[in-house]
N, C-alpha and C. Protein backbone atom coordinates (compact mmCIF):
# COMPACT_ATOMS: atom_id res chain seq x y z
N MET A 1 0.98 -1.22 0.17
CA MET A 1 0.11 -0.04 0.24
C MET A 1 1.08 1.35 -0.14
N PHE A 2 0.56 2.36 -0.40
CA PHE A 2 1.10 3.86 -0.99
C PHE A 2 0.36 4.79 0.21
N LEU A 3 1.07 5.44 0.73
CA LEU A 3 0.58 6.68 1.53
C LEU A 3 0.26 7.64 0.78
N LYS A 4 -0.74 8.05 0.32
CA LYS A 4 -1.04 9.37 -0.64
C LYS A 4 -0.94 10.66 0.09
N PRO A 5 0.54 11.38 -0.70
CA PRO A 5 0.98 12.77 0.43
C PRO A 5 -0.18 13.44 0.28
N ARG A 6 -0.57 14.45 1.18
CA ARG A 6 -1.23 15.51 0.92
C ARG A 6 -0.34 16.77 0.45
N ALA A 7 0.43 17.06 0.83
CA ALA A 7 1.72 17.85 0.45
C ALA A 7 2.05 17.36 -1.34
N ARG A 8 2.37 18.51 -1.81
CA ARG A 8 2.39 18.29 -3.41
C ARG A 8 3.90 18.14 -3.61
N ALA A 9 3.93 16.92 -4.08
CA ALA A 9 5.14 16.41 -4.63
C ALA A 9 5.61 17.32 -5.92
N VAL A 10 6.85 18.22 -5.87
CA VAL A 10 7.28 18.10 -7.11
C VAL A 10 8.28 17.66 -7.89
N ARG A 11 8.18 16.99 -9.16
CA ARG A 11 9.81 16.50 -9.38
C ARG A 11 10.20 17.44 -10.49
N GLY A 12 11.61 16.88 -10.47
CA GLY A 12 13.10 17.75 -11.05
C GLY A 12 13.20 18.90 -10.15
N GLY A 13 13.76 19.73 -10.47
CA GLY A 13 14.59 20.85 -9.42
C GLY A 13 15.53 20.28 -8.90
N ASN A 14 15.84 20.31 -7.32
CA ASN A 14 16.79 19.95 -6.72
C ASN A 14 16.40 18.35 -5.88
N LEU A 15 15.48 17.97 -5.91
CA LEU A 15 14.84 16.58 -5.46
C LEU A 15 14.82 15.35 -6.29
N TYR A 16 15.17 14.39 -5.72
CA TYR A 16 14.70 12.96 -6.38
C TYR A 16 13.52 12.93 -5.52
N LEU A 17 12.81 11.95 -6.30
CA LEU A 17 11.05 10.97 -5.79
C LEU A 17 11.39 9.66 -5.73
N LEU A 18 11.25 9.45 -4.20
CA LEU A 18 11.26 7.93 -4.45
C LEU A 18 10.30 7.32 -3.16
N TRP A 19 9.73 6.24 -3.39
CA TRP A 19 8.61 5.52 -2.78
C TRP A 19 9.68 4.68 -1.42
N TRP A 20 9.68 4.80 -0.72
CA TRP A 20 10.47 4.63 0.63
C TRP A 20 9.93 3.34 1.48
N PRO A 21 10.23 1.80 1.37
CA PRO A 21 9.76 0.79 2.58
C PRO A 21 9.64 1.37 4.03
N SER A 22 8.68 1.34 4.36
CA SER A 22 8.39 1.76 5.92
C SER A 22 6.95 0.37 6.37
N ALA A 23 6.61 0.65 7.53
CA ALA A 23 6.14 0.00 8.72
C ALA A 23 5.26 1.06 9.41
N LEU A 24 3.91 0.95 9.21
CA LEU A 24 2.78 1.28 10.54
C LEU A 24 2.99 0.33 11.52
N VAL A 25 3.52 1.00 12.67
CA VAL A 25 3.56 -0.22 14.03
C VAL A 25 2.82 0.37 15.06
N SER A 26 2.08 -0.16 15.53
CA SER A 26 1.62 -0.02 17.25
C SER A 26 2.36 -1.36 18.38
N PHE A 27 2.04 -0.77 19.47
CA PHE A 27 2.64 -1.58 20.60
C PHE A 27 1.73 -1.70 21.31
N ASP A 28 1.66 -3.07 22.21
CA ASP A 28 0.72 -3.10 22.88
C ASP A 28 0.65 -2.17 24.22
N SER A 29 1.45 -1.87 24.11
CA SER A 29 1.87 -0.83 25.45
C SER A 29 0.53 0.64 25.33
N CYS A 30 0.57 0.79 24.17
CA CYS A 30 -0.13 2.33 23.74
C CYS A 30 -0.91 1.58 22.41
N PRO A 31 -1.93 0.99 22.65
CA PRO A 31 -2.93 0.28 21.43
C PRO A 31 -3.03 1.78 20.33
N GLY A 32 -3.43 2.99 20.78
CA GLY A 32 -4.02 3.90 20.13
C GLY A 32 -2.99 4.60 19.59
N SER A 33 -1.58 4.59 19.84
CA SER A 33 -0.77 5.41 18.50
C SER A 33 0.25 4.41 17.68
N SER A 34 -0.11 4.96 16.83
CA SER A 34 0.93 4.30 15.59
C SER A 34 2.31 4.98 15.37
N TYR A 35 3.60 4.39 14.80
CA TYR A 35 4.35 4.93 14.71
C TYR A 35 4.89 4.54 13.39
N LEU A 36 5.67 5.55 12.50
CA LEU A 36 6.03 4.70 11.14
C LEU A 36 7.35 4.37 11.32
N VAL A 37 8.07 3.23 10.76
CA VAL A 37 9.29 2.99 11.12
C VAL A 37 9.91 2.59 9.48
N ASP A 38 11.23 2.80 9.63
CA ASP A 38 12.02 2.97 8.20
C ASP A 38 12.29 1.47 8.40
N LEU A 39 12.04 0.86 7.05
CA LEU A 39 12.34 -0.43 6.92
C LEU A 39 13.57 -0.64 6.32
N VAL A 40 14.25 0.47 5.69
CA VAL A 40 15.37 0.35 5.06
C VAL A 40 16.87 0.69 5.98
N VAL A 41 16.04 1.43 6.99
CA VAL A 41 17.20 1.43 8.08
C VAL A 41 17.29 0.15 9.05
N ALA A 42 15.85 -0.11 9.14
CA ALA A 42 16.10 -1.79 9.99
C ALA A 42 17.04 -2.46 9.42
N SER A 43 16.60 -2.34 8.30
CA SER A 43 17.43 -3.68 7.49
C SER A 43 19.17 -3.78 7.13
N GLU A 44 19.36 -2.09 6.82
CA GLU A 44 20.56 -1.83 6.56
C GLU A 44 21.47 -1.30 7.49
N SER A 45 20.95 -0.99 8.58
CA SER A 45 21.78 -0.07 9.86
C SER A 45 22.73 -1.04 10.70
N ARG A 46 21.89 -2.37 10.89
CA ARG A 46 22.50 -3.09 12.24
C ARG A 46 22.78 -2.31 13.50
N ASP A 47 21.81 -1.34 13.78
CA ASP A 47 22.42 -0.91 14.96
C ASP A 47 20.97 -0.27 15.56
N PRO A 48 20.44 -0.51 16.83
CA PRO A 48 18.86 0.01 16.99
C PRO A 48 19.14 1.65 17.08
N LEU A 49 20.38 2.31 17.11
CA LEU A 49 19.96 3.42 17.44
C LEU A 49 19.44 4.30 15.76
N PRO A 50 20.06 4.23 14.89
CA PRO A 50 19.42 4.85 13.80
C PRO A 50 18.17 4.84 13.75
N LEU A 51 17.32 2.97 13.90
CA LEU A 51 15.76 2.59 13.89
C LEU A 51 15.30 3.58 14.68
N ILE A 52 15.77 3.64 15.94
CA ILE A 52 14.55 4.30 16.92
C ILE A 52 14.65 5.91 16.36
N LEU A 53 16.02 6.61 16.04
CA LEU A 53 15.55 7.97 15.74
C LEU A 53 14.77 8.39 14.40
N THR A 54 14.60 7.35 13.74
CA THR A 54 14.64 7.86 12.61
C THR A 54 12.80 7.57 12.23
N MET A 55 12.14 6.81 13.51
CA MET A 55 10.90 6.53 13.59
C MET A 55 10.02 7.73 13.72
N ARG A 56 8.77 8.21 13.38
CA ARG A 56 7.79 8.79 13.44
C ARG A 56 6.57 8.60 14.02
N ARG A 57 6.31 9.28 15.08
CA ARG A 57 4.59 9.04 15.19
C ARG A 57 3.62 9.03 14.17
N TYR A 58 2.89 8.52 13.55
CA TYR A 58 2.12 8.72 12.55
C TYR A 58 0.39 8.77 13.05
N LYS A 59 -0.22 9.92 12.55
CA LYS A 59 -1.11 10.51 13.08
C LYS A 59 -2.58 10.37 12.21
N GLY A 60 -2.47 9.35 11.40
CA GLY A 60 -3.48 8.87 10.43
C GLY A 60 -3.92 9.93 9.55
N LYS A 61 -3.01 10.74 9.06
CA LYS A 61 -3.66 11.55 8.36
C LYS A 61 -2.66 11.08 6.67
N GLY A 62 -3.91 10.83 5.59
CA GLY A 62 -3.27 10.45 4.17
C GLY A 62 -4.20 9.25 3.94
N ASP A 63 -4.47 9.05 3.01
CA ASP A 63 -5.17 7.60 2.53
C ASP A 63 -3.86 6.91 1.81
N LEU A 64 -4.36 5.47 2.13
CA LEU A 64 -3.50 4.79 1.75
C LEU A 64 -4.04 3.75 0.19
N GLU A 65 -3.32 3.69 -0.69
CA GLU A 65 -3.87 3.47 -2.14
C GLU A 65 -3.29 1.80 -2.74
N PRO A 66 -3.56 1.43 -3.68
CA PRO A 66 -2.90 -0.05 -3.73
C PRO A 66 -1.78 0.24 -4.83
N SER A 67 -2.01 1.57 -5.75
CA SER A 67 -1.02 1.75 -6.63
C SER A 67 -0.19 3.11 -6.42
N PRO A 68 0.97 3.21 -6.97
CA PRO A 68 1.50 4.91 -5.98
C PRO A 68 0.96 5.86 -6.75
N PRO A 69 0.41 6.49 -6.31
CA PRO A 69 -0.66 7.74 -6.33
C PRO A 69 0.42 8.99 -7.03
N VAL A 70 1.97 8.76 -7.14
CA VAL A 70 2.91 9.71 -7.85
C VAL A 70 4.02 8.75 -8.48
N GLU A 71 4.36 8.86 -9.95
CA GLU A 71 5.22 8.13 -9.95
C GLU A 71 6.45 8.83 -9.63
N ALA A 72 7.31 7.27 -9.38
CA ALA A 72 8.59 7.48 -8.94
C ALA A 72 8.87 6.07 -8.87
N PRO A 73 10.02 5.85 -8.61
CA PRO A 73 10.87 4.32 -8.17
C PRO A 73 10.33 3.95 -6.82
N ILE A 74 10.12 2.69 -7.04
CA ILE A 74 9.70 1.80 -5.95
C ILE A 74 10.98 1.12 -5.20
N VAL A 75 11.80 1.96 -4.01
CA VAL A 75 12.72 0.95 -3.84
C VAL A 75 12.24 0.06 -2.40
N ILE A 76 13.28 -1.19 -3.10
CA ILE A 76 12.44 -2.77 -2.29
C ILE A 76 13.75 -2.59 -1.49
N ALA A 77 13.07 -3.40 0.04
CA ALA A 77 13.85 -3.10 1.10
C ALA A 77 14.55 -4.69 1.48
N ARG A 78 16.07 -4.97 1.68
CA ARG A 78 16.73 -6.16 1.84
C ARG A 78 15.67 -7.01 2.49
N GLY A 79 14.96 -6.43 3.48
CA GLY A 79 13.79 -7.40 4.32
C GLY A 79 13.88 -7.08 6.03
N SER A 80 13.11 -6.66 6.44
CA SER A 80 13.29 -6.76 7.79
C SER A 80 11.98 -6.61 8.60
N GLY A 81 11.56 -7.91 9.06
CA GLY A 81 10.13 -7.73 9.50
C GLY A 81 9.86 -7.27 11.09
N PRO A 82 8.41 -7.75 11.71
CA PRO A 82 8.52 -7.02 12.92
C PRO A 82 8.93 -7.55 14.00
N GLY A 83 9.75 -9.01 13.98
CA GLY A 83 10.36 -9.61 15.24
C GLY A 83 11.72 -9.05 15.33
N THR A 84 12.60 -8.43 14.06
CA THR A 84 13.61 -7.57 14.16
C THR A 84 13.56 -6.69 14.69
N ILE A 85 12.28 -5.84 14.08
CA ILE A 85 12.06 -4.52 14.64
C ILE A 85 12.29 -4.39 16.08
N MET A 86 11.32 -5.53 16.35
CA MET A 86 10.72 -5.44 18.13
C MET A 86 12.23 -6.14 18.73
N SER A 87 13.00 -6.59 18.27
CA SER A 87 14.48 -6.99 19.19
C SER A 87 15.51 -6.01 19.40
N MET A 88 15.41 -5.09 18.13
CA MET A 88 16.23 -4.04 17.97
C MET A 88 15.93 -3.02 19.07
N ILE A 89 14.71 -2.84 19.30
CA ILE A 89 14.23 -1.34 20.00
C ILE A 89 14.29 -1.95 21.37
N LEU A 90 13.99 -3.33 22.00
CA LEU A 90 13.71 -3.96 23.03
C LEU A 90 15.43 -3.96 23.83
N GLU A 91 16.37 -4.19 22.58
CA GLU A 91 18.25 -4.24 22.97
C GLU A 91 18.56 -2.84 23.48
N ALA A 92 18.19 -1.81 22.89
CA ALA A 92 18.16 -0.45 23.53
C ALA A 92 17.62 -0.26 24.78
N ARG A 93 16.35 -0.81 25.27
CA ARG A 93 15.91 -0.63 26.39
C ARG A 93 16.72 -1.40 27.40
N ARG A 94 16.57 -2.61 27.17
CA ARG A 94 17.84 -3.50 27.85
C ARG A 94 18.90 -2.75 28.70
N ARG A 95 19.70 -2.45 27.08
CA ARG A 95 21.04 -1.90 27.83
C ARG A 95 20.81 -0.46 28.96
N ILE A 96 19.95 0.16 28.43
CA ILE A 96 19.80 1.40 29.41
C ILE A 96 19.77 0.61 30.58
N ASP A 97 18.39 -0.03 30.88
CA ASP A 97 18.29 -0.75 31.92
C ASP A 97 19.16 -1.18 32.80
N SER A 98 20.40 -1.68 32.27
CA SER A 98 21.55 -2.32 32.72
C SER A 98 22.00 -1.12 33.58
N LEU A 99 22.04 -0.15 32.82
CA LEU A 99 22.66 0.87 33.64
C LEU A 99 22.24 2.41 34.50
N ALA A 100 20.84 1.57 34.51
CA ALA A 100 20.13 2.68 35.78
C ALA A 100 20.70 3.07 37.35
N GLY A 101 20.98 4.32 37.45
CA GLY A 101 21.49 4.51 38.48
C GLY A 101 22.71 4.94 38.28
N GLN A 102 23.27 4.92 36.94
CA GLN A 102 24.93 4.88 37.06
C GLN A 102 25.24 6.43 36.33
N ASN A 103 25.54 7.10 36.67
CA ASN A 103 26.24 8.48 36.61
C ASN A 103 24.41 9.03 35.97
N SER A 104 23.70 8.91 36.89
CA SER A 104 22.53 9.51 36.43
C SER A 104 22.41 10.93 36.41
N MET A 105 22.14 11.98 35.43
CA MET A 105 22.12 13.56 35.41
C MET A 105 20.67 13.91 34.85
N ARG A 106 20.70 14.96 35.40
CA ARG A 106 19.47 15.79 35.06
C ARG A 106 19.55 16.37 33.55
N ILE A 107 18.58 16.39 32.84
CA ILE A 107 19.24 16.99 31.67
C ILE A 107 18.74 18.51 31.22
N GLN A 108 19.76 19.12 31.43
CA GLN A 108 19.41 20.53 31.39
C GLN A 108 19.35 21.09 29.80
N ARG A 109 19.15 22.50 29.51
CA ARG A 109 18.95 22.50 27.96
C ARG A 109 20.10 22.93 27.68
N SER A 110 21.31 23.73 28.26
CA SER A 110 22.57 23.56 27.85
C SER A 110 23.33 22.36 27.53
N GLN A 111 23.06 21.65 28.19
CA GLN A 111 23.34 19.91 27.72
C GLN A 111 22.69 19.31 26.67
N LEU A 112 21.60 19.75 26.28
CA LEU A 112 20.89 19.30 25.17
C LEU A 112 21.76 19.99 23.85
N GLN A 113 22.12 21.40 24.08
CA GLN A 113 22.76 21.83 23.11
C GLN A 113 24.23 21.20 22.90
N SER A 114 24.82 20.81 23.82
CA SER A 114 26.11 20.34 23.70
C SER A 114 25.89 18.71 22.76
N ILE A 115 24.97 18.19 23.24
CA ILE A 115 24.79 16.90 22.83
C ILE A 115 24.45 16.80 21.04
N ARG A 116 23.68 17.71 20.94
CA ARG A 116 23.60 18.24 19.75
C ARG A 116 24.78 17.98 18.68
N VAL A 117 25.83 18.81 19.47
CA VAL A 117 27.42 18.89 18.62
C VAL A 117 28.09 17.30 18.56
N ARG A 118 27.65 16.86 19.58
CA ARG A 118 28.43 15.44 19.74
C ARG A 118 27.22 14.24 19.59
N ARG A 119 27.21 14.34 18.59
CA ARG A 119 25.36 13.16 18.57
C ARG A 119 26.13 12.03 18.02
N PRO A 120 25.51 10.99 18.82
CA PRO A 120 25.91 9.75 19.05
C PRO A 120 25.51 9.01 17.76
N HIS A 121 26.14 7.94 17.27
CA HIS A 121 26.45 7.46 15.66
C HIS A 121 25.73 5.84 15.61
N THR A 122 26.12 5.37 16.96
CA THR A 122 25.24 4.13 17.55
C THR A 122 25.13 3.81 19.22
N LEU A 123 24.35 2.57 19.27
CA LEU A 123 23.70 2.52 20.32
C LEU A 123 25.06 2.68 21.50
N GLU A 124 26.18 2.06 21.05
CA GLU A 124 27.20 2.12 21.95
C GLU A 124 27.75 3.36 22.54
N GLU A 125 27.86 4.53 21.65
CA GLU A 125 28.16 5.72 22.02
C GLU A 125 27.06 6.43 22.57
N ALA A 126 25.82 6.18 22.26
CA ALA A 126 24.34 6.93 23.07
C ALA A 126 24.65 6.51 24.54
N ILE A 127 24.60 5.02 24.93
CA ILE A 127 24.67 4.63 26.39
C ILE A 127 25.77 5.04 27.05
N ALA A 128 27.10 5.34 26.27
CA ALA A 128 28.41 5.48 27.02
C ALA A 128 28.69 6.88 27.35
N ASN A 129 27.61 7.76 27.40
CA ASN A 129 27.52 9.34 27.81
C ASN A 129 26.05 8.95 28.71
N PRO A 130 26.07 9.94 29.55
CA PRO A 130 24.95 9.94 30.60
C PRO A 130 23.85 10.85 29.98
N ILE A 131 24.22 11.73 29.48
CA ILE A 131 23.36 12.82 29.19
C ILE A 131 22.44 12.03 28.00
N SER A 132 23.07 11.76 26.88
CA SER A 132 22.87 10.98 25.69
C SER A 132 21.75 9.75 26.09
N ARG A 133 22.31 9.12 27.04
CA ARG A 133 21.71 7.54 27.56
C ARG A 133 20.22 8.65 28.13
N GLY A 134 20.32 9.20 28.76
CA GLY A 134 19.11 9.58 29.35
C GLY A 134 18.17 10.64 28.13
N ILE A 135 18.38 10.86 27.30
CA ILE A 135 17.58 11.57 26.29
C ILE A 135 17.00 10.21 25.63
N LEU A 136 18.08 9.15 25.11
CA LEU A 136 17.43 7.75 24.01
C LEU A 136 16.48 7.77 24.93
N SER A 137 16.50 7.34 26.45
CA SER A 137 15.38 6.94 27.49
C SER A 137 14.44 7.22 27.42
N GLU A 138 14.29 8.46 27.37
CA GLU A 138 13.01 9.30 27.25
C GLU A 138 12.47 9.27 25.77
N ILE A 139 13.38 9.29 24.60
CA ILE A 139 12.67 9.01 23.42
C ILE A 139 11.73 7.16 23.52
N LEU A 140 12.46 6.40 24.35
CA LEU A 140 12.03 5.21 24.03
C LEU A 140 10.39 5.31 25.45
N SER A 141 10.89 6.39 26.04
CA SER A 141 9.24 6.07 26.90
C SER A 141 8.48 6.37 26.22
N SER A 142 8.60 7.73 25.36
CA SER A 142 7.78 8.25 24.54
C SER A 142 6.84 7.74 23.37
N ILE A 143 7.66 6.62 22.86
CA ILE A 143 6.69 5.46 21.90
C ILE A 143 6.39 4.18 22.96
N CYS A 144 6.29 4.46 24.00
CA CYS A 144 5.98 3.12 24.98
C CYS A 144 6.73 2.33 25.09
N ILE A 145 7.62 2.46 24.72
CA ILE A 145 9.20 1.45 25.54
C ILE A 145 9.67 1.52 26.55
N GLU A 146 8.98 1.47 27.70
CA GLU A 146 9.25 1.38 29.06
C GLU A 146 9.50 0.07 29.93
N ARG A 147 9.23 -1.17 29.26
CA ARG A 147 9.56 -2.44 29.83
C ARG A 147 9.96 -3.73 28.74
N GLN A 148 10.70 -4.64 29.13
CA GLN A 148 10.99 -5.60 28.17
C GLN A 148 9.90 -6.47 27.77
N ASP A 149 9.03 -6.32 28.29
CA ASP A 149 7.62 -7.30 27.98
C ASP A 149 6.52 -6.68 26.82
N VAL A 150 7.25 -5.62 25.96
CA VAL A 150 6.55 -4.87 25.10
C VAL A 150 6.17 -5.81 24.08
N ARG A 151 4.86 -5.95 23.49
CA ARG A 151 5.33 -6.73 22.21
C ARG A 151 4.43 -5.46 20.91
N ILE A 152 4.63 -6.13 19.75
CA ILE A 152 3.76 -5.59 18.61
C ILE A 152 2.92 -6.00 18.67
N ALA A 153 1.47 -4.97 18.48
CA ALA A 153 0.29 -5.13 18.37
C ALA A 153 -0.29 -5.25 16.95
N SER A 154 0.30 -4.48 16.30
CA SER A 154 0.09 -4.46 14.57
C SER A 154 1.08 -3.73 13.68
N TYR A 155 0.99 -4.53 12.22
CA TYR A 155 2.09 -4.36 12.04
C TYR A 155 1.71 -4.34 10.14
N SER A 156 1.97 -2.71 9.64
CA SER A 156 1.56 -3.01 8.35
C SER A 156 2.65 -2.00 7.26
N PRO A 157 2.86 -2.97 6.65
CA PRO A 157 4.11 -2.39 5.43
C PRO A 157 3.93 -1.47 4.64
N ILE A 158 4.03 -0.30 4.28
CA ILE A 158 3.42 0.32 3.13
C ILE A 158 4.80 1.24 2.62
N TYR A 159 4.47 1.71 1.73
CA TYR A 159 5.62 3.03 1.13
C TYR A 159 5.14 4.01 1.00
N ILE A 160 6.39 5.57 1.40
CA ILE A 160 5.99 6.46 1.74
C ILE A 160 6.67 7.37 0.59
N LEU A 161 6.03 8.48 0.27
CA LEU A 161 7.18 9.22 -0.41
C LEU A 161 7.64 10.23 0.07
N VAL A 162 9.55 9.84 -0.58
CA VAL A 162 10.33 10.79 0.30
C VAL A 162 10.83 11.46 -0.81
N GLY A 163 11.88 12.86 -0.57
CA GLY A 163 12.56 13.48 -1.52
C GLY A 163 13.70 13.36 -0.69
N ILE A 164 14.77 12.94 -1.69
CA ILE A 164 16.17 13.54 -1.65
C ILE A 164 16.90 14.25 -2.60
N SER A 165 17.58 15.25 -1.73
CA SER A 165 18.13 16.58 -2.52
C SER A 165 19.19 15.65 -3.42
N ARG A 166 19.51 16.43 -4.82
CA ARG A 166 20.64 16.11 -5.71
C ARG A 166 22.18 15.80 -5.13
N SER A 167 22.69 16.75 -4.21
CA SER A 167 23.68 16.37 -3.23
C SER A 167 23.61 15.29 -2.25
N LYS A 168 22.34 14.88 -2.55
CA LYS A 168 22.37 13.42 -1.24
C LYS A 168 22.33 13.91 0.10
N ASN A 169 22.19 14.93 0.65
CA ASN A 169 22.49 15.04 2.11
C ASN A 169 21.01 16.00 2.86
N GLU A 170 20.00 15.95 1.84
CA GLU A 170 18.61 16.25 2.66
C GLU A 170 17.80 15.70 2.28
N PHE A 171 16.91 15.22 3.24
CA PHE A 171 15.74 14.08 3.19
C PHE A 171 14.60 14.51 3.65
N TYR A 172 13.43 14.46 2.72
CA TYR A 172 12.37 14.61 2.90
C TYR A 172 11.52 13.81 3.29
N ILE A 173 10.22 13.86 3.97
CA ILE A 173 9.11 12.82 3.92
C ILE A 173 7.56 13.85 3.67
N TYR A 174 6.91 13.13 2.58
CA TYR A 174 5.53 13.74 2.18
C TYR A 174 4.31 13.31 2.76
N MET A 175 3.62 13.79 3.85
CA MET A 175 2.73 13.27 4.71
C MET A 175 1.67 14.00 4.42
N ASP A 176 0.94 14.63 5.56
CA ASP A 176 -0.11 16.07 5.53
C ASP A 176 0.86 17.27 5.28
N LYS A 177 2.14 16.96 4.83
CA LYS A 177 2.81 18.15 4.81
C LYS A 177 4.29 17.63 4.47
N ARG A 178 4.87 18.53 3.94
CA ARG A 178 6.77 17.54 3.75
C ARG A 178 7.47 18.20 4.80
N TYR A 179 8.17 17.17 5.19
CA TYR A 179 9.08 17.22 6.64
C TYR A 179 10.20 17.34 6.26
N ARG A 180 11.24 17.80 6.61
CA ARG A 180 12.67 17.36 6.57
C ARG A 180 12.69 16.51 7.51
N SER A 181 13.56 15.67 7.63
CA SER A 181 14.37 14.61 8.19
C SER A 181 15.77 14.69 8.87
N THR A 182 16.45 15.17 9.42
CA THR A 182 17.67 15.18 10.03
C THR A 182 18.24 14.44 10.22
N ASN A 183 17.24 13.42 11.09
CA ASN A 183 17.82 12.13 11.43
C ASN A 183 18.11 10.95 10.40
N HIS A 184 17.14 11.06 9.64
CA HIS A 184 17.61 10.21 8.08
C HIS A 184 18.37 11.03 7.04
N GLU A 185 19.24 12.23 7.33
CA GLU A 185 19.95 12.60 7.03
C GLU A 185 21.46 12.37 7.57
N ILE A 186 21.36 12.03 8.50
CA ILE A 186 22.61 11.52 9.70
C ILE A 186 22.57 10.06 9.42
N TYR A 187 21.63 9.82 9.97
CA TYR A 187 21.67 7.87 9.83
C TYR A 187 21.46 7.47 8.68
N ALA A 188 20.54 7.93 7.73
CA ALA A 188 20.46 6.99 6.61
C ALA A 188 21.40 7.49 5.56
N LEU A 189 21.44 8.62 5.11
CA LEU A 189 22.10 8.97 3.85
C LEU A 189 23.95 8.84 3.84
N LYS A 190 24.15 8.58 5.36
CA LYS A 190 25.51 8.92 5.87
C LYS A 190 25.96 7.02 5.92
N ASN A 191 25.05 6.17 5.90
CA ASN A 191 25.13 4.89 6.01
C ASN A 191 25.80 4.49 4.70
N THR A 192 26.85 3.84 4.58
CA THR A 192 27.52 3.10 3.03
C THR A 192 26.26 1.89 2.39
N GLU A 193 25.42 1.45 2.85
CA GLU A 193 24.77 0.29 2.12
C GLU A 193 23.63 1.27 1.79
N ILE A 194 23.02 2.00 2.54
CA ILE A 194 21.82 2.95 2.16
C ILE A 194 21.91 3.82 1.14
N LYS A 195 23.32 4.48 1.27
CA LYS A 195 23.67 5.42 0.43
C LYS A 195 24.12 4.46 -1.33
N SER A 196 24.53 3.49 -0.87
CA SER A 196 24.10 2.65 -2.32
C SER A 196 22.75 2.42 -3.02
N ILE A 197 22.06 2.36 -1.76
CA ILE A 197 20.73 2.12 -2.29
C ILE A 197 20.06 3.31 -3.11
N VAL A 198 20.49 4.39 -2.30
CA VAL A 198 20.21 5.75 -2.57
C VAL A 198 20.37 6.09 -3.97
N ASP A 199 21.87 5.79 -4.10
CA ASP A 199 22.66 5.77 -5.36
C ASP A 199 21.74 5.13 -6.63
N ARG A 200 21.63 3.94 -6.64
CA ARG A 200 21.02 3.15 -7.45
C ARG A 200 19.85 3.87 -8.02
N TYR A 201 18.83 3.95 -7.13
CA TYR A 201 17.07 4.09 -7.18
C TYR A 201 17.15 5.92 -7.86
N THR A 202 18.20 6.75 -7.09
CA THR A 202 18.21 7.64 -8.28
C THR A 202 18.24 8.02 -9.34
N LYS A 203 19.05 6.99 -9.77
CA LYS A 203 19.42 6.82 -11.48
C LYS A 203 18.01 6.67 -12.10
N LEU A 204 17.51 5.62 -11.46
CA LEU A 204 16.23 5.27 -11.98
C LEU A 204 15.15 6.38 -12.19
N GLU A 205 15.13 7.35 -11.25
CA GLU A 205 14.63 8.36 -10.82
C GLU A 205 14.33 9.30 -12.26
N GLU A 206 15.70 9.16 -12.79
CA GLU A 206 15.64 9.89 -14.10
C GLU A 206 14.59 9.81 -15.24
N ILE A 207 14.55 8.04 -15.31
CA ILE A 207 13.35 7.82 -16.24
C ILE A 207 11.83 8.53 -16.25
N PHE A 208 11.47 8.68 -14.55
CA PHE A 208 10.19 9.05 -14.44
C PHE A 208 9.79 11.01 -15.01
N LYS A 209 10.98 11.32 -15.47
CA LYS A 209 11.16 13.03 -15.88
C LYS A 209 10.06 13.09 -17.06
């Protein structure tokens, strides 16, 4: 199924348009909430941190259609199902909980500024620093992952329309409006395997002009 974007997607200019494999996921700990999970990141990153940081809350805006509402190449993910996604997320929760109470620090605004400068790129880097570990714990809590027994309640693979700049350093998601995803720019476009996928499919995109 393809998520029909409400935001107008313009071909040409400085953006490549691609249909990007994702999944709508809900957890039994928060049955009323759904999250958009990037299946390319899940299959290629091999680390829970990029997966968690590229997740986005889905507010149910936009229709799902059986065929692409916008002509663009359809990216094929190597394969990552609900079991893999859940195990990666719970691994992050387990690692954080195992360090509970160690070097605990209250996160201040000035500390948030510094962590943006020293952004972790792996789960190991994130949990090694008490500030980034605290931020990651709060992110997991915000998506209802506060215990080790959380399970996926629903899982629906879909495609979403994305735009990638021709310089390959900007990543946009088209839903009710166009969102720029800086986390995708850091954790997807700078990943060697994902960059190779993007290069391959952006060459195909030239055919759709």
